[in-house]
C-alpha cells in the first residue's frame, strides 16, 4: 500500500510541471491583428476571451484590435460591456484602435471612446498596413 501511495505521489510530482507548462505553447512574438466590425455583444465577449486565450498560449504575442463600422461600439464607453476586459488586456499590451472615419460618419466624439484606445485615420487601411508588416489577420465576430 505504501509503495502504491509513493508511486502515486511521485507520478503527481513529475507530471505537475508539464501540466502547468501546457498552457504556454509558443514563446515567439507572434503578431496578430483582429478586425472587429460587429456590434454583437456576444462577439465582443468572445473576442476578449479569445485574446486572453491567445496570450496564455503565446504570452509574447503582439496584438492589435481594429474597430470600425459597427465594431466601434466595442470601444464606445457608454455602450461597451467589455470595459473591464479592455482595461485588463491593455495592461497586457494589447492595442485597441478606433477608426476615425467611423467616428466621423457616426458623429461620435473621441471623448466617447474608452481611454485605452488609440485612433487611426482609416480602420481598413490599418488592417492592411498591419498585414504588410507581417501581422496575421483574424476576423473577430461570428
Protein backbone atom coordinates (compact mmCIF):
# COMPACT_ATOMS: atom_id res chain seq x y z
CA UNK A 1 0.00 0.00 0.00
CA UNK A 2 2.82 2.41 0.91
CA UNK A 3 4.53 1.56 -2.37
CA UNK A 4 1.39 2.40 -4.38
CA UNK A 5 0.94 5.67 -2.46
CA UNK A 6 4.60 6.58 -3.07
CA UNK A 7 4.27 5.87 -6.81
CA UNK A 8 1.08 7.93 -6.95
CA UNK A 9 2.76 10.92 -5.26
CA UNK A 10 5.83 10.52 -7.47
CA UNK A 11 3.63 10.49 -10.57
CA UNK A 12 1.82 13.65 -9.48
CA UNK A 13 5.08 15.40 -8.72
CA UNK A 14 6.62 14.55 -12.07
CA UNK A 15 3.52 15.43 -14.09
CA UNK A 16 2.71 18.79 -12.43
CA UNK A 17 5.37 20.88 -14.27
CA UNK A 18 4.27 19.52 -17.62
CA UNK A 19 0.63 20.28 -16.85
CA UNK A 20 1.49 23.86 -15.92
CA UNK A 21 3.70 24.28 -19.00
CA UNK A 22 0.96 23.05 -21.34
CA UNK A 23 -0.72 26.46 -21.30
CA UNK A 24 2.27 28.14 -22.97
CA UNK A 25 2.52 26.78 -26.48
CA UNK A 26 4.84 29.36 -28.02
CA UNK A 27 7.27 31.95 -26.74
CA UNK A 28 7.60 33.52 -30.19
CA UNK A 29 6.48 37.14 -30.55
CA UNK A 30 3.54 36.40 -32.85
CA UNK A 31 1.93 39.48 -34.39
CA UNK A 32 -1.87 39.36 -34.73
CA UNK A 33 -4.39 41.94 -35.89
CA UNK A 34 -8.08 41.40 -35.17
CA UNK A 35 -10.64 43.25 -37.28
CA UNK A 36 -13.92 43.93 -35.45
CA UNK A 37 -16.88 45.23 -37.46
CA UNK A 38 -19.65 43.61 -35.43
CA UNK A 39 -21.74 45.21 -32.67
CA UNK A 40 -22.87 41.87 -31.22
CA UNK A 41 -22.02 41.91 -27.51
CA UNK A 42 -21.59 38.13 -27.52
CA UNK A 43 -18.96 38.55 -30.23
CA UNK A 44 -17.27 41.20 -28.08
CA UNK A 45 -17.23 38.85 -25.10
CA UNK A 46 -15.83 36.07 -27.28
CA UNK A 47 -13.13 38.40 -28.61
CA UNK A 48 -11.91 39.26 -25.10
CA UNK A 49 -11.87 35.55 -24.21
CA UNK A 50 -10.00 34.64 -27.43
CA UNK A 51 -7.36 37.30 -26.87
CA UNK A 52 -6.84 36.11 -23.29
CA UNK A 53 -6.53 32.53 -24.57
CA UNK A 54 -4.03 33.65 -27.19
CA UNK A 55 -1.94 35.47 -24.60
CA UNK A 56 -2.00 32.41 -22.35
CA UNK A 57 -0.73 30.22 -25.18
CA UNK A 58 1.64 32.83 -26.62
CA UNK A 59 2.44 35.37 -23.89
CA UNK A 60 4.82 37.35 -26.11
CA UNK A 61 2.23 37.95 -28.84
CA UNK A 62 1.74 41.47 -30.14
CA UNK A 63 -1.99 42.06 -30.63
CA UNK A 64 -3.96 44.93 -32.11
CA UNK A 65 -7.75 45.09 -32.34
CA UNK A 66 -9.00 47.44 -35.06
CA UNK A 67 -12.62 48.53 -34.56
CA UNK A 68 -14.62 50.16 -37.32
CA UNK A 69 -18.13 50.16 -38.72
CA UNK A 70 -20.47 48.55 -36.15
CA UNK A 71 -17.47 47.26 -34.20
CA UNK A 72 -16.87 50.77 -32.86
CA UNK A 73 -19.46 50.03 -30.17
CA UNK A 74 -16.90 47.72 -28.54
CA UNK A 75 -14.82 50.83 -27.80
CA UNK A 76 -17.69 53.24 -27.11
CA UNK A 77 -17.64 53.87 -23.36
CA UNK A 78 -21.42 54.19 -22.98
CA UNK A 79 -22.16 51.02 -24.99
CA UNK A 80 -19.42 48.50 -24.33
CA UNK A 81 -20.00 45.65 -21.91
CA UNK A 82 -16.29 44.76 -22.03
CA UNK A 83 -14.73 47.82 -20.38
CA UNK A 84 -13.04 45.72 -17.69
CA UNK A 85 -11.71 43.25 -20.26
CA UNK A 86 -10.40 46.07 -22.44
CA UNK A 87 -8.60 47.63 -19.46
CA UNK A 88 -7.07 44.29 -18.44
CA UNK A 89 -5.95 43.49 -21.98
CA UNK A 90 -4.49 46.97 -22.46
CA UNK A 91 -2.42 46.32 -19.32
CA UNK A 92 -1.10 43.19 -21.06
CA UNK A 93 0.00 45.23 -24.08
CA UNK A 94 -2.98 44.77 -26.40
CA UNK A 95 -3.60 47.80 -28.64
CA UNK A 96 -7.19 48.87 -29.35
CA UNK A 97 -7.62 51.11 -32.40
CA UNK A 98 -10.73 53.15 -33.21
CA UNK A 99 -11.36 54.21 -36.80
CA UNK A 100 -11.65 57.98 -37.23
CA UNK A 101 -13.67 57.53 -40.45
CA UNK A 102 -16.30 55.60 -38.48
CA UNK A 103 -16.31 58.23 -35.74
CA UNK A 104 -16.86 61.00 -38.28
CA UNK A 105 -19.60 59.13 -40.15
CA UNK A 106 -21.47 58.30 -36.95
CA UNK A 107 -20.82 61.67 -35.31
CA UNK A 108 -19.07 60.06 -32.35
CA UNK A 109 -16.66 62.26 -30.41
CA UNK A 110 -13.26 60.88 -29.45
CA UNK A 111 -14.17 61.60 -25.83
CA UNK A 112 -16.92 58.96 -26.11
CA UNK A 113 -14.33 56.25 -26.81
CA UNK A 114 -12.70 54.32 -23.95
CA UNK A 115 -9.45 55.88 -22.81
CA UNK A 116 -7.49 52.71 -23.59
CA UNK A 117 -8.00 53.20 -27.34
CA UNK A 118 -5.77 54.85 -29.90
CA UNK A 119 -7.15 56.44 -33.06
CA UNK A 120 -6.29 55.56 -36.63
CA UNK A 121 -7.40 57.54 -39.70
CA UNK A 122 -8.89 54.52 -41.51
CA UNK A 123 -9.58 51.14 -39.90
CA UNK A 124 -9.40 49.16 -43.13
CA UNK A 125 -6.07 50.74 -44.02
CA UNK A 126 -4.75 50.00 -40.51
CA UNK A 127 -5.56 46.31 -41.01
CA UNK A 128 -3.84 46.33 -44.42
CA UNK A 129 -0.73 48.04 -43.05
CA UNK A 130 -0.51 45.58 -40.16
CA UNK A 131 -0.69 42.68 -42.61
CA UNK A 132 2.04 44.29 -44.71
CA UNK A 133 4.11 44.49 -41.51
CA UNK A 134 3.78 40.74 -41.02
CA UNK A 135 0.75 40.57 -38.74
CA UNK A 136 -1.58 37.58 -39.06
CA UNK A 137 -5.18 38.61 -39.75
CA UNK A 138 -8.15 37.34 -37.75
CA UNK A 139 -11.73 38.47 -38.32
CA UNK A 140 -13.48 38.89 -34.96
CA UNK A 141 -17.13 38.00 -34.56
CA UNK A 142 -19.46 35.28 -35.68
